[in-house]
Amino acid sequence: MGLSSPAKAQLWDYVATSEFGNVYYIDPLSIKRKDQVVSYTQLINYSKSNESNSKDLQSIVQHKTNDCDVNRFRISGLIGYDKKNAKGSIVVVELEKEEKWFNINPQKIADIIHQEVCNYK
């Protein structure tokens, strides 16, 4: 995964907005499928009214993998930016060392994204 300018070659398609005003996008050009496992890149633009969000962190690009058979996902890495749409300075970089999977709860943002990437043609 290149960390120098990860958002340059991406095309962001809107997926959903959370109840807190956070806006979720996926890059359809990044979607790769191997059987029922799909990897892709996701962008989250945080709402200014989200009090749990650091003021320095306005957007995050996540590299994710979803297992479409068992309704779970994992995040292999993320890069956080101080401006919306993965612009400005990088303020955080995290790479996962372990394969930690999260179950997807029905009718939540993760489920909407899961349906989008698992049904992508």
PDB file of N, CA and C in Angstrom:
ATOM      1  N   MET A   1       0.850  -1.170   0.000  1.00  0.00           N
ATOM      2  CA  MET A   1       0.000   0.000   0.000  1.00  0.00           C
ATOM      3  C   MET A   1       0.894   1.231   0.000  1.00  0.00           C
ATOM      4  N   GLY A   2       0.718   2.120  -0.962  1.00  0.00           N
ATOM      5  CA  GLY A   2       1.485   3.353  -1.021  1.00  0.00           C
ATOM      6  C   GLY A   2       0.916   4.393  -0.085  1.00  0.00           C
ATOM      7  N   LEU A   3       1.764   5.036   0.667  1.00  0.00           N
ATOM      8  CA  LEU A   3       1.280   6.016   1.628  1.00  0.00           C
ATOM      9  C   LEU A   3       1.533   7.450   1.196  1.00  0.00           C
ATOM     10  N   SER A   4       2.277   7.676   0.129  1.00  0.00           N
ATOM     11  CA  SER A   4       2.636   9.034  -0.231  1.00  0.00           C
ATOM     12  C   SER A   4       1.448   9.860  -0.717  1.00  0.00           C
ATOM     13  N   SER A   5       0.631   9.311  -1.607  1.00  0.00           N
ATOM     14  CA  SER A   5      -0.543  10.048  -2.072  1.00  0.00           C
ATOM     15  C   SER A   5      -1.648   9.064  -2.447  1.00  0.00           C
ATOM     16  N   PRO A   6      -2.238   8.395  -1.445  1.00  0.00           N
ATOM     17  CA  PRO A   6      -3.168   7.310  -1.703  1.00  0.00           C
ATOM     18  C   PRO A   6      -4.491   7.714  -2.340  1.00  0.00           C
ATOM     19  N   ALA A   7      -4.884   8.958  -2.258  1.00  0.00           N
ATOM     20  CA  ALA A   7      -6.205   9.325  -2.752  1.00  0.00           C
ATOM     21  C   ALA A   7      -6.178   9.882  -4.179  1.00  0.00           C
ATOM     22  N   LYS A   8      -5.028  10.021  -4.771  1.00  0.00           N
ATOM     23  CA  LYS A   8      -4.925  10.674  -6.077  1.00  0.00           C
ATOM     24  C   LYS A   8      -5.649   9.924  -7.196  1.00  0.00           C
ATOM     25  N   ALA A   9      -5.531   8.601  -7.238  1.00  0.00           N
ATOM     26  CA  ALA A   9      -6.069   7.838  -8.364  1.00  0.00           C
ATOM     27  C   ALA A   9      -7.446   7.259  -8.064  1.00  0.00           C
ATOM     28  N   GLN A  10      -8.105   7.788  -7.068  1.00  0.00           N
ATOM     29  CA  GLN A  10      -9.366   7.208  -6.668  1.00  0.00           C
ATOM     30  C   GLN A  10     -10.567   8.015  -7.146  1.00  0.00           C
ATOM     31  N   LEU A  11     -11.635   7.293  -7.377  1.00  0.00           N
ATOM     32  CA  LEU A  11     -12.902   7.862  -7.804  1.00  0.00           C
ATOM     33  C   LEU A  11     -13.896   7.548  -6.695  1.00  0.00           C
ATOM     34  N   TRP A  12     -14.441   8.542  -6.054  1.00  0.00           N
ATOM     35  CA  TRP A  12     -15.295   8.296  -4.896  1.00  0.00           C
ATOM     36  C   TRP A  12     -16.769   8.285  -5.296  1.00  0.00           C
ATOM     37  N   ASP A  13     -17.443   7.157  -5.054  1.00  0.00           N
ATOM     38  CA  ASP A  13     -18.883   7.028  -5.257  1.00  0.00           C
ATOM     39  C   ASP A  13     -19.571   7.087  -3.898  1.00  0.00           C
ATOM     40  N   TYR A  14     -20.534   7.966  -3.772  1.00  0.00           N
ATOM     41  CA  TYR A  14     -21.297   8.116  -2.521  1.00  0.00           C
ATOM     42  C   TYR A  14     -22.043   6.819  -2.203  1.00  0.00           C
ATOM     43  N   VAL A  15     -22.019   6.425  -0.914  1.00  0.00           N
ATOM     44  CA  VAL A  15     -22.747   5.231  -0.471  1.00  0.00           C
ATOM     45  C   VAL A  15     -23.820   5.587   0.553  1.00  0.00           C
ATOM     46  N   ALA A  16     -23.451   6.340   1.600  1.00  0.00           N
ATOM     47  CA  ALA A  16     -24.415   6.601   2.671  1.00  0.00           C
ATOM     48  C   ALA A  16     -23.936   7.752   3.551  1.00  0.00           C
ATOM     49  N   THR A  17     -24.884   8.311   4.320  1.00  0.00           N
ATOM     50  CA  THR A  17     -24.581   9.307   5.352  1.00  0.00           C
ATOM     51  C   THR A  17     -25.114   8.771   6.671  1.00  0.00           C
ATOM     52  N   SER A  18     -24.291   8.806   7.704  1.00  0.00           N
ATOM     53  CA  SER A  18     -24.703   8.285   9.014  1.00  0.00           C
ATOM     54  C   SER A  18     -25.623   9.274   9.708  1.00  0.00           C
ATOM     55  N   GLU A  19     -26.225   8.830  10.782  1.00  0.00           N
ATOM     56  CA  GLU A  19     -27.099   9.696  11.572  1.00  0.00           C
ATOM     57  C   GLU A  19     -26.323  10.858  12.181  1.00  0.00           C
ATOM     58  N   PHE A  20     -25.000  10.739  12.260  1.00  0.00           N
ATOM     59  CA  PHE A  20     -24.149  11.801  12.813  1.00  0.00           C
ATOM     60  C   PHE A  20     -23.651  12.760  11.735  1.00  0.00           C
ATOM     61  N   GLY A  21     -23.999  12.482  10.471  1.00  0.00           N
ATOM     62  CA  GLY A  21     -23.591  13.351   9.382  1.00  0.00           C
ATOM     63  C   GLY A  21     -22.287  12.961   8.709  1.00  0.00           C
ATOM     64  N   ASN A  22     -21.691  11.828   9.107  1.00  0.00           N
ATOM     65  CA  ASN A  22     -20.485  11.344   8.448  1.00  0.00           C
ATOM     66  C   ASN A  22     -20.878  10.769   7.088  1.00  0.00           C
ATOM     67  N   VAL A  23     -20.093  11.074   6.052  1.00  0.00           N
ATOM     68  CA  VAL A  23     -20.434  10.677   4.685  1.00  0.00           C
ATOM     69  C   VAL A  23     -19.446   9.614   4.219  1.00  0.00           C
ATOM     70  N   TYR A  24     -19.984   8.513   3.692  1.00  0.00           N
ATOM     71  CA  TYR A  24     -19.199   7.340   3.295  1.00  0.00           C
ATOM     72  C   TYR A  24     -19.202   7.185   1.778  1.00  0.00           C
ATOM     73  N   TYR A  25     -18.011   6.898   1.247  1.00  0.00           N
ATOM     74  CA  TYR A  25     -17.820   6.681  -0.187  1.00  0.00           C
ATOM     75  C   TYR A  25     -16.973   5.429  -0.388  1.00  0.00           C
ATOM     76  N   ILE A  26     -17.099   4.803  -1.553  1.00  0.00           N
ATOM     77  CA  ILE A  26     -16.177   3.745  -1.942  1.00  0.00           C
ATOM     78  C   ILE A  26     -15.586   4.100  -3.297  1.00  0.00           C
ATOM     79  N   ASP A  27     -14.412   3.561  -3.553  1.00  0.00           N
ATOM     80  CA  ASP A  27     -13.765   3.738  -4.842  1.00  0.00           C
ATOM     81  C   ASP A  27     -14.055   2.499  -5.684  1.00  0.00           C
ATOM     82  N   PRO A  28     -14.945   2.586  -6.681  1.00  0.00           N
ATOM     83  CA  PRO A  28     -15.286   1.403  -7.483  1.00  0.00           C
ATOM     84  C   PRO A  28     -14.092   0.881  -8.283  1.00  0.00           C
ATOM     85  N   LEU A  29     -13.122   1.745  -8.563  1.00  0.00           N
ATOM     86  CA  LEU A  29     -11.940   1.306  -9.297  1.00  0.00           C
ATOM     87  C   LEU A  29     -11.035   0.417  -8.448  1.00  0.00           C
ATOM     88  N   SER A  30     -11.206   0.465  -7.133  1.00  0.00           N
ATOM     89  CA  SER A  30     -10.354  -0.309  -6.224  1.00  0.00           C
ATOM     90  C   SER A  30     -10.926  -1.692  -5.911  1.00  0.00           C
ATOM     91  N   ILE A  31     -12.170  -1.949  -6.279  1.00  0.00           N
ATOM     92  CA  ILE A  31     -12.833  -3.203  -5.896  1.00  0.00           C
ATOM     93  C   ILE A  31     -12.189  -4.389  -6.609  1.00  0.00           C
ATOM     94  N   LYS A  32     -11.715  -5.328  -5.794  1.00  0.00           N
ATOM     95  CA  LYS A  32     -11.113  -6.562  -6.304  1.00  0.00           C
ATOM     96  C   LYS A  32     -11.816  -7.741  -5.628  1.00  0.00           C
ATOM     97  N   ARG A  33     -12.231  -8.706  -6.438  1.00  0.00           N
ATOM     98  CA  ARG A  33     -12.963  -9.858  -5.898  1.00  0.00           C
ATOM     99  C   ARG A  33     -12.148 -11.125  -6.094  1.00  0.00           C
ATOM    100  N   LYS A  34     -12.085 -11.943  -5.038  1.00  0.00           N
ATOM    101  CA  LYS A  34     -11.525 -13.285  -5.118  1.00  0.00           C
ATOM    102  C   LYS A  34     -12.539 -14.200  -4.439  1.00  0.00           C
ATOM    103  N   ASP A  35     -13.304 -14.922  -5.262  1.00  0.00           N
ATOM    104  CA  ASP A  35     -14.429 -15.729  -4.779  1.00  0.00           C
ATOM    105  C   ASP A  35     -15.412 -14.816  -4.038  1.00  0.00           C
ATOM    106  N   GLN A  36     -15.639 -15.064  -2.766  1.00  0.00           N
ATOM    107  CA  GLN A  36     -16.589 -14.251  -2.007  1.00  0.00           C
ATOM    108  C   GLN A  36     -15.917 -13.221  -1.106  1.00  0.00           C
ATOM    109  N   VAL A  37     -14.634 -12.977  -1.335  1.00  0.00           N
ATOM    110  CA  VAL A  37     -13.900 -11.978  -0.557  1.00  0.00           C
ATOM    111  C   VAL A  37     -13.610 -10.786  -1.472  1.00  0.00           C
ATOM    112  N   VAL A  38     -13.990  -9.597  -1.000  1.00  0.00           N
ATOM    113  CA  VAL A  38     -13.862  -8.378  -1.791  1.00  0.00           C
ATOM    114  C   VAL A  38     -12.983  -7.388  -1.031  1.00  0.00           C
ATOM    115  N   SER A  39     -11.958  -6.868  -1.699  1.00  0.00           N
ATOM    116  CA  SER A  39     -11.152  -5.797  -1.104  1.00  0.00           C
ATOM    117  C   SER A  39     -11.458  -4.500  -1.851  1.00  0.00           C
ATOM    118  N   TYR A  40     -11.338  -3.380  -1.145  1.00  0.00           N
ATOM    119  CA  TYR A  40     -11.697  -2.076  -1.719  1.00  0.00           C
ATOM    120  C   TYR A  40     -11.183  -0.960  -0.826  1.00  0.00           C
ATOM    121  N   THR A  41     -11.325   0.259  -1.316  1.00  0.00           N
ATOM    122  CA  THR A  41     -10.919   1.448  -0.571  1.00  0.00           C
ATOM    123  C   THR A  41     -12.163   2.289  -0.276  1.00  0.00           C
ATOM    124  N   GLN A  42     -12.234   2.775   0.955  1.00  0.00           N
ATOM    125  CA  GLN A  42     -13.389   3.550   1.417  1.00  0.00           C
ATOM    126  C   GLN A  42     -12.904   4.897   1.950  1.00  0.00           C
ATOM    127  N   LEU A  43     -13.701   5.927   1.724  1.00  0.00           N
ATOM    128  CA  LEU A  43     -13.439   7.262   2.260  1.00  0.00           C
ATOM    129  C   LEU A  43     -14.570   7.632   3.211  1.00  0.00           C
ATOM    130  N   ILE A  44     -14.197   8.201   4.350  1.00  0.00           N
ATOM    131  CA  ILE A  44     -15.184   8.753   5.282  1.00  0.00           C
ATOM    132  C   ILE A  44     -14.846  10.225   5.481  1.00  0.00           C
ATOM    133  N   ASN A  45     -15.814  11.105   5.212  1.00  0.00           N
ATOM    134  CA  ASN A  45     -15.697  12.525   5.551  1.00  0.00           C
ATOM    135  C   ASN A  45     -16.486  12.727   6.833  1.00  0.00           C
ATOM    136  N   TYR A  46     -15.799  13.203   7.866  1.00  0.00           N
ATOM    137  CA  TYR A  46     -16.450  13.381   9.159  1.00  0.00           C
ATOM    138  C   TYR A  46     -17.216  14.691   9.225  1.00  0.00           C
ATOM    139  N   SER A  47     -18.338  14.631   9.928  1.00  0.00           N
ATOM    140  CA  SER A  47     -19.155  15.809  10.169  1.00  0.00           C
ATOM    141  C   SER A  47     -18.462  16.688  11.202  1.00  0.00           C
ATOM    142  N   LYS A  48     -18.580  17.992  11.038  1.00  0.00           N
ATOM    143  CA  LYS A  48     -18.007  18.910  12.030  1.00  0.00           C
ATOM    144  C   LYS A  48     -18.723  18.800  13.362  1.00  0.00           C
ATOM    145  N   SER A  49     -19.977  18.356  13.330  1.00  0.00           N
ATOM    146  CA  SER A  49     -20.745  18.262  14.573  1.00  0.00           C
ATOM    147  C   SER A  49     -20.457  16.976  15.335  1.00  0.00           C
ATOM    148  N   ASN A  50     -19.610  16.110  14.788  1.00  0.00           N
ATOM    149  CA  ASN A  50     -19.272  14.856  15.456  1.00  0.00           C
ATOM    150  C   ASN A  50     -18.268  15.145  16.569  1.00  0.00           C
ATOM    151  N   GLU A  51     -18.738  15.194  17.807  1.00  0.00           N
ATOM    152  CA  GLU A  51     -17.895  15.583  18.941  1.00  0.00           C
ATOM    153  C   GLU A  51     -16.820  14.554  19.255  1.00  0.00           C
ATOM    154  N   SER A  52     -17.046  13.284  18.896  1.00  0.00           N
ATOM    155  CA  SER A  52     -16.053  12.257  19.196  1.00  0.00           C
ATOM    156  C   SER A  52     -14.874  12.325  18.238  1.00  0.00           C
ATOM    157  N   ASN A  53     -15.002  13.091  17.173  1.00  0.00           N
ATOM    158  CA  ASN A  53     -13.962  13.201  16.160  1.00  0.00           C
ATOM    159  C   ASN A  53     -12.945  14.271  16.550  1.00  0.00           C
ATOM    160  N   SER A  54     -11.682  13.943  16.409  1.00  0.00           N
ATOM    161  CA  SER A  54     -10.618  14.930  16.633  1.00  0.00           C
ATOM    162  C   SER A  54     -10.778  16.079  15.643  1.00  0.00           C
ATOM    163  N   LYS A  55     -10.555  17.301  16.094  1.00  0.00           N
ATOM    164  CA  LYS A  55     -10.685  18.462  15.205  1.00  0.00           C
ATOM    165  C   LYS A  55      -9.678  18.396  14.054  1.00  0.00           C
ATOM    166  N   ASP A  56      -8.541  17.744  14.280  1.00  0.00           N
ATOM    167  CA  ASP A  56      -7.522  17.627  13.234  1.00  0.00           C
ATOM    168  C   ASP A  56      -7.908  16.614  12.161  1.00  0.00           C
ATOM    169  N   LEU A  57      -8.760  15.675  12.477  1.00  0.00           N
ATOM    170  CA  LEU A  57      -9.096  14.583  11.568  1.00  0.00           C
ATOM    171  C   LEU A  57     -10.434  14.861  10.880  1.00  0.00           C
ATOM    172  N   GLN A  58     -10.385  15.172   9.587  1.00  0.00           N
ATOM    173  CA  GLN A  58     -11.604  15.490   8.846  1.00  0.00           C
ATOM    174  C   GLN A  58     -12.036  14.374   7.891  1.00  0.00           C
ATOM    175  N   SER A  59     -11.073  13.522   7.480  1.00  0.00           N
ATOM    176  CA  SER A  59     -11.419  12.406   6.594  1.00  0.00           C
ATOM    177  C   SER A  59     -10.436  11.262   6.790  1.00  0.00           C
ATOM    178  N   ILE A  60     -10.909  10.061   6.458  1.00  0.00           N
ATOM    179  CA  ILE A  60     -10.088   8.852   6.568  1.00  0.00           C
ATOM    180  C   ILE A  60     -10.275   8.027   5.306  1.00  0.00           C
ATOM    181  N   VAL A  61      -9.175   7.502   4.787  1.00  0.00           N
ATOM    182  CA  VAL A  61      -9.215   6.517   3.717  1.00  0.00           C
ATOM    183  C   VAL A  61      -8.873   5.178   4.363  1.00  0.00           C
ATOM    184  N   GLN A  62      -9.767   4.200   4.207  1.00  0.00           N
ATOM    185  CA  GLN A  62      -9.555   2.871   4.771  1.00  0.00           C
ATOM    186  C   GLN A  62      -9.397   1.850   3.655  1.00  0.00           C
ATOM    187  N   HIS A  63      -8.478   0.923   3.850  1.00  0.00           N
ATOM    188  CA  HIS A  63      -8.316  -0.202   2.939  1.00  0.00           C
ATOM    189  C   HIS A  63      -8.976  -1.380   3.643  1.00  0.00           C
ATOM    190  N   LYS A  64     -10.065  -1.884   3.042  1.00  0.00           N
ATOM    191  CA  LYS A  64     -10.918  -2.865   3.713  1.00  0.00           C
ATOM    192  C   LYS A  64     -11.077  -4.132   2.886  1.00  0.00           C
ATOM    193  N   THR A  65     -11.454  -5.187   3.585  1.00  0.00           N
ATOM    194  CA  THR A  65     -11.781  -6.468   2.972  1.00  0.00           C
ATOM    195  C   THR A  65     -13.081  -6.957   3.593  1.00  0.00           C
ATOM    196  N   ASN A  66     -14.020  -7.362   2.749  1.00  0.00           N
ATOM    197  CA  ASN A  66     -15.281  -7.918   3.225  1.00  0.00           C
ATOM    198  C   ASN A  66     -15.384  -9.373   2.785  1.00  0.00           C
ATOM    199  N   ASP A  67     -15.844 -10.217   3.696  1.00  0.00           N
ATOM    200  CA  ASP A  67     -16.138 -11.610   3.382  1.00  0.00           C
ATOM    201  C   ASP A  67     -17.648 -11.682   3.174  1.00  0.00           C
ATOM    202  N   CYS A  68     -18.051 -11.806   1.919  1.00  0.00           N
ATOM    203  CA  CYS A  68     -19.471 -11.732   1.570  1.00  0.00           C
ATOM    204  C   CYS A  68     -20.259 -12.952   2.032  1.00  0.00           C
ATOM    205  N   ASP A  69     -19.596 -14.079   2.240  1.00  0.00           N
ATOM    206  CA  ASP A  69     -20.287 -15.298   2.691  1.00  0.00           C
ATOM    207  C   ASP A  69     -20.709 -15.225   4.150  1.00  0.00           C
ATOM    208  N   VAL A  70     -19.887 -14.626   4.980  1.00  0.00           N
ATOM    209  CA  VAL A  70     -20.161 -14.654   6.419  1.00  0.00           C
ATOM    210  C   VAL A  70     -20.423 -13.272   7.024  1.00  0.00           C
ATOM    211  N   ASN A  71     -20.655 -12.270   6.183  1.00  0.00           N
ATOM    212  CA  ASN A  71     -21.024 -10.930   6.649  1.00  0.00           C
ATOM    213  C   ASN A  71     -20.071 -10.378   7.700  1.00  0.00           C
ATOM    214  N   ARG A  72     -18.827 -10.207   7.283  1.00  0.00           N
ATOM    215  CA  ARG A  72     -17.833  -9.611   8.171  1.00  0.00           C
ATOM    216  C   ARG A  72     -16.863  -8.798   7.333  1.00  0.00           C
ATOM    217  N   PHE A  73     -16.116  -7.903   8.013  1.00  0.00           N
ATOM    218  CA  PHE A  73     -15.128  -7.084   7.335  1.00  0.00           C
ATOM    219  C   PHE A  73     -13.908  -6.901   8.223  1.00  0.00           C
ATOM    220  N   ARG A  74     -12.814  -6.489   7.578  1.00  0.00           N
ATOM    221  CA  ARG A  74     -11.626  -6.101   8.326  1.00  0.00           C
ATOM    222  C   ARG A  74     -10.998  -4.887   7.662  1.00  0.00           C
ATOM    223  N   ILE A  75     -10.243  -4.141   8.432  1.00  0.00           N
ATOM    224  CA  ILE A  75      -9.539  -2.958   7.938  1.00  0.00           C
ATOM    225  C   ILE A  75      -8.058  -3.278   7.987  1.00  0.00           C
ATOM    226  N   SER A  76      -7.397  -3.249   6.828  1.00  0.00           N
ATOM    227  CA  SER A  76      -5.968  -3.570   6.802  1.00  0.00           C
ATOM    228  C   SER A  76      -5.105  -2.339   7.055  1.00  0.00           C
ATOM    229  N   GLY A  77      -5.663  -1.166   6.820  1.00  0.00           N
ATOM    230  CA  GLY A  77      -4.920   0.051   7.089  1.00  0.00           C
ATOM    231  C   GLY A  77      -5.777   1.275   6.868  1.00  0.00           C
ATOM    232  N   LEU A  78      -5.343   2.385   7.432  1.00  0.00           N
ATOM    233  CA  LEU A  78      -6.076   3.635   7.227  1.00  0.00           C
ATOM    234  C   LEU A  78      -5.116   4.798   7.259  1.00  0.00           C
ATOM    235  N   ILE A  79      -5.539   5.851   6.587  1.00  0.00           N
ATOM    236  CA  ILE A  79      -4.784   7.103   6.556  1.00  0.00           C
ATOM    237  C   ILE A  79      -5.769   8.225   6.848  1.00  0.00           C
ATOM    238  N   GLY A  80      -5.478   9.036   7.842  1.00  0.00           N
ATOM    239  CA  GLY A  80      -6.349  10.140   8.232  1.00  0.00           C
ATOM    240  C   GLY A  80      -5.789  11.475   7.783  1.00  0.00           C
ATOM    241  N   TYR A  81      -6.679  12.357   7.339  1.00  0.00           N
ATOM    242  CA  TYR A  81      -6.304  13.666   6.796  1.00  0.00           C
ATOM    243  C   TYR A  81      -6.961  14.794   7.584  1.00  0.00           C
ATOM    244  N   ASP A  82      -6.345  15.978   7.505  1.00  0.00           N
ATOM    245  CA  ASP A  82      -6.891  17.133   8.224  1.00  0.00           C
ATOM    246  C   ASP A  82      -7.881  17.940   7.387  1.00  0.00           C
ATOM    247  N   LYS A  83      -8.183  17.484   6.169  1.00  0.00           N
ATOM    248  CA  LYS A  83      -9.197  18.123   5.332  1.00  0.00           C
ATOM    249  C   LYS A  83     -10.111  17.050   4.742  1.00  0.00           C
ATOM    250  N   LYS A  84     -11.285  17.455   4.305  1.00  0.00           N
ATOM    251  CA  LYS A  84     -12.249  16.547   3.682  1.00  0.00           C
ATOM    252  C   LYS A  84     -11.684  15.954   2.394  1.00  0.00           C
ATOM    253  N   ASN A  85     -12.245  14.838   1.967  1.00  0.00           N
ATOM    254  CA  ASN A  85     -11.906  14.182   0.696  1.00  0.00           C
ATOM    255  C   ASN A  85     -10.440  13.780   0.586  1.00  0.00           C
ATOM    256  N   ALA A  86      -9.853  13.377   1.716  1.00  0.00           N
ATOM    257  CA  ALA A  86      -8.464  12.901   1.751  1.00  0.00           C
ATOM    258  C   ALA A  86      -7.496  13.944   1.214  1.00  0.00           C
ATOM    259  N   LYS A  87      -7.716  15.187   1.613  1.00  0.00           N
ATOM    260  CA  LYS A  87      -6.860  16.300   1.196  1.00  0.00           C
ATOM    261  C   LYS A  87      -6.116  16.847   2.418  1.00  0.00           C
ATOM    262  N   GLY A  88      -5.138  17.675   2.147  1.00  0.00           N
ATOM    263  CA  GLY A  88      -4.388  18.303   3.228  1.00  0.00           C
ATOM    264  C   GLY A  88      -3.294  17.400   3.751  1.00  0.00           C
ATOM    265  N   SER A  89      -2.957  17.587   5.005  1.00  0.00           N
ATOM    266  CA  SER A  89      -1.866  16.837   5.626  1.00  0.00           C
ATOM    267  C   SER A  89      -2.359  15.528   6.212  1.00  0.00           C
ATOM    268  N   ILE A  90      -1.490  14.541   6.180  1.00  0.00           N
ATOM    269  CA  ILE A  90      -1.776  13.260   6.833  1.00  0.00           C
ATOM    270  C   ILE A  90      -1.537  13.442   8.323  1.00  0.00           C
ATOM    271  N   VAL A  91      -2.535  13.083   9.139  1.00  0.00           N
ATOM    272  CA  VAL A  91      -2.410  13.238  10.590  1.00  0.00           C
ATOM    273  C   VAL A  91      -2.345  11.907  11.320  1.00  0.00           C
ATOM    274  N   VAL A  92      -2.688  10.819  10.638  1.00  0.00           N
ATOM    275  CA  VAL A  92      -2.588   9.493  11.260  1.00  0.00           C
ATOM    276  C   VAL A  92      -2.440   8.437  10.160  1.00  0.00           C
ATOM    277  N   VAL A  93      -1.610   7.433  10.453  1.00  0.00           N
ATOM    278  CA  VAL A  93      -1.472   6.259   9.590  1.00  0.00           C
ATOM    279  C   VAL A  93      -1.490   5.049  10.501  1.00  0.00           C
ATOM    280  N   GLU A  94      -2.360   4.092  10.206  1.00  0.00           N
ATOM    281  CA  GLU A  94      -2.414   2.862  10.983  1.00  0.00           C
ATOM    282  C   GLU A  94      -2.434   1.676  10.033  1.00  0.00           C
ATOM    283  N   LEU A  95      -1.565   0.721  10.287  1.00  0.00           N
ATOM    284  CA  LEU A  95      -1.539  -0.525   9.535  1.00  0.00           C
ATOM    285  C   LEU A  95      -1.815  -1.655  10.516  1.00  0.00           C
ATOM    286  N   GLU A  96      -2.774  -2.508  10.183  1.00  0.00           N
ATOM    287  CA  GLU A  96      -3.128  -3.609  11.075  1.00  0.00           C
ATOM    288  C   GLU A  96      -2.118  -4.735  10.933  1.00  0.00           C
ATOM    289  N   LYS A  97      -1.623  -5.201  12.057  1.00  0.00           N
ATOM    290  CA  LYS A  97      -0.671  -6.307  12.050  1.00  0.00           C
ATOM    291  C   LYS A  97      -1.379  -7.662  12.103  1.00  0.00           C
ATOM    292  N   GLU A  98      -2.572  -7.680  12.661  1.00  0.00           N
ATOM    293  CA  GLU A  98      -3.350  -8.920  12.781  1.00  0.00           C
ATOM    294  C   GLU A  98      -4.556  -8.855  11.851  1.00  0.00           C
ATOM    295  N   GLU A  99      -5.079 -10.025  11.518  1.00  0.00           N
ATOM    296  CA  GLU A  99      -6.318 -10.082  10.741  1.00  0.00           C
ATOM    297  C   GLU A  99      -7.489 -10.089  11.719  1.00  0.00           C
ATOM    298  N   LYS A 100      -7.970  -8.926  12.076  1.00  0.00           N
ATOM    299  CA  LYS A 100      -9.088  -8.817  13.015  1.00  0.00           C
ATOM    300  C   LYS A 100     -10.361  -8.561  12.219  1.00  0.00           C
ATOM    301  N   TRP A 101     -11.310  -9.474  12.298  1.00  0.00           N
ATOM    302  CA  TRP A 101     -12.573  -9.364  11.563  1.00  0.00           C
ATOM    303  C   TRP A 101     -13.670  -8.832  12.478  1.00  0.00           C
ATOM    304  N   PHE A 102     -14.571  -8.048  11.897  1.00  0.00           N
ATOM    305  CA  PHE A 102     -15.715  -7.485  12.617  1.00  0.00           C
ATOM    306  C   PHE A 102     -16.992  -7.991  11.969  1.00  0.00           C
ATOM    307  N   ASN A 103     -17.951  -8.413  12.789  1.00  0.00           N
ATOM    308  CA  ASN A 103     -19.250  -8.829  12.256  1.00  0.00           C
ATOM    309  C   ASN A 103     -20.036  -7.600  11.808  1.00  0.00           C
ATOM    310  N   ILE A 104     -20.843  -7.786  10.782  1.00  0.00           N
ATOM    311  CA  ILE A 104     -21.642  -6.692  10.237  1.00  0.00           C
ATOM    312  C   ILE A 104     -23.064  -6.792  10.775  1.00  0.00           C
ATOM    313  N   ASN A 105     -23.512  -5.726  11.427  1.00  0.00           N
ATOM    314  CA  ASN A 105     -24.871  -5.689  11.965  1.00  0.00           C
ATOM    315  C   ASN A 105     -25.841  -5.208  10.888  1.00  0.00           C
ATOM    316  N   PRO A 106     -26.982  -5.883  10.767  1.00  0.00           N
ATOM    317  CA  PRO A 106     -27.967  -5.491   9.742  1.00  0.00           C
ATOM    318  C   PRO A 106     -28.428  -4.043   9.910  1.00  0.00           C
ATOM    319  N   GLN A 107     -28.670  -3.390   8.787  1.00  0.00           N
ATOM    320  CA  GLN A 107     -29.232  -2.046   8.703  1.00  0.00           C
ATOM    321  C   GLN A 107     -28.353  -0.965   9.342  1.00  0.00           C
ATOM    322  N   LYS A 108     -27.067  -1.213   9.404  1.00  0.00           N
ATOM    323  CA  LYS A 108     -26.108  -0.207   9.862  1.00  0.00           C
ATOM    324  C   LYS A 108     -25.277   0.219   8.656  1.00  0.00           C
ATOM    325  N   ILE A 109     -24.465   1.259   8.804  1.00  0.00           N
ATOM    326  CA  ILE A 109     -23.641   1.754   7.701  1.00  0.00           C
ATOM    327  C   ILE A 109     -22.756   0.638   7.140  1.00  0.00           C
ATOM    328  N   ALA A 110     -22.136  -0.155   8.009  1.00  0.00           N
ATOM    329  CA  ALA A 110     -21.266  -1.252   7.537  1.00  0.00           C
ATOM    330  C   ALA A 110     -22.043  -2.232   6.661  1.00  0.00           C
ATOM    331  N   ASP A 111     -23.315  -2.455   6.971  1.00  0.00           N
ATOM    332  CA  ASP A 111     -24.154  -3.359   6.178  1.00  0.00           C
ATOM    333  C   ASP A 111     -24.465  -2.752   4.802  1.00  0.00           C
ATOM    334  N   ILE A 112     -24.727  -1.470   4.760  1.00  0.00           N
ATOM    335  CA  ILE A 112     -25.004  -0.793   3.489  1.00  0.00           C
ATOM    336  C   ILE A 112     -23.774  -0.875   2.578  1.00  0.00           C
ATOM    337  N   ILE A 113     -22.602  -0.602   3.148  1.00  0.00           N
ATOM    338  CA  ILE A 113     -21.353  -0.686   2.383  1.00  0.00           C
ATOM    339  C   ILE A 113     -21.096  -2.124   1.954  1.00  0.00           C
ATOM    340  N   HIS A 114     -21.337  -3.071   2.858  1.00  0.00           N
ATOM    341  CA  HIS A 114     -21.153  -4.498   2.569  1.00  0.00           C
ATOM    342  C   HIS A 114     -22.007  -4.924   1.372  1.00  0.00           C
ATOM    343  N   GLN A 115     -23.264  -4.528   1.367  1.00  0.00           N
ATOM    344  CA  GLN A 115     -24.157  -4.876   0.254  1.00  0.00           C
ATOM    345  C   GLN A 115     -23.659  -4.258  -1.051  1.00  0.00           C
ATOM    346  N   GLU A 116     -23.177  -3.036  -0.964  1.00  0.00           N
ATOM    347  CA  GLU A 116     -22.687  -2.335  -2.148  1.00  0.00           C
ATOM    348  C   GLU A 116     -21.492  -3.060  -2.764  1.00  0.00           C
ATOM    349  N   VAL A 117     -20.489  -3.389  -1.947  1.00  0.00           N
ATOM    350  CA  VAL A 117     -19.272  -4.007  -2.500  1.00  0.00           C
ATOM    351  C   VAL A 117     -19.478  -5.480  -2.848  1.00  0.00           C
ATOM    352  N   CYS A 118     -20.298  -6.185  -2.087  1.00  0.00           N
ATOM    353  CA  CYS A 118     -20.519  -7.608  -2.366  1.00  0.00           C
ATOM    354  C   CYS A 118     -21.380  -7.817  -3.617  1.00  0.00           C
ATOM    355  N   ASN A 119     -22.239  -6.857  -3.941  1.00  0.00           N
ATOM    356  CA  ASN A 119     -23.103  -6.969  -5.119  1.00  0.00           C
ATOM    357  C   ASN A 119     -22.573  -6.188  -6.309  1.00  0.00           C
ATOM    358  N   TYR A 120     -21.389  -5.606  -6.168  1.00  0.00           N
ATOM    359  CA  TYR A 120     -20.813  -4.803  -7.255  1.00  0.00           C
ATOM    360  C   TYR A 120     -20.470  -5.696  -8.453  1.00  0.00           C
ATOM    361  N   LYS A 121     -20.846  -5.273  -9.625  1.00  0.00           N
ATOM    362  CA  LYS A 121     -20.556  -6.044 -10.856  1.00  0.00           C
ATOM    363  C   LYS A 121     -19.590  -5.312 -11.719  1.00  0.00           C
TER     364      LYS A 121
END
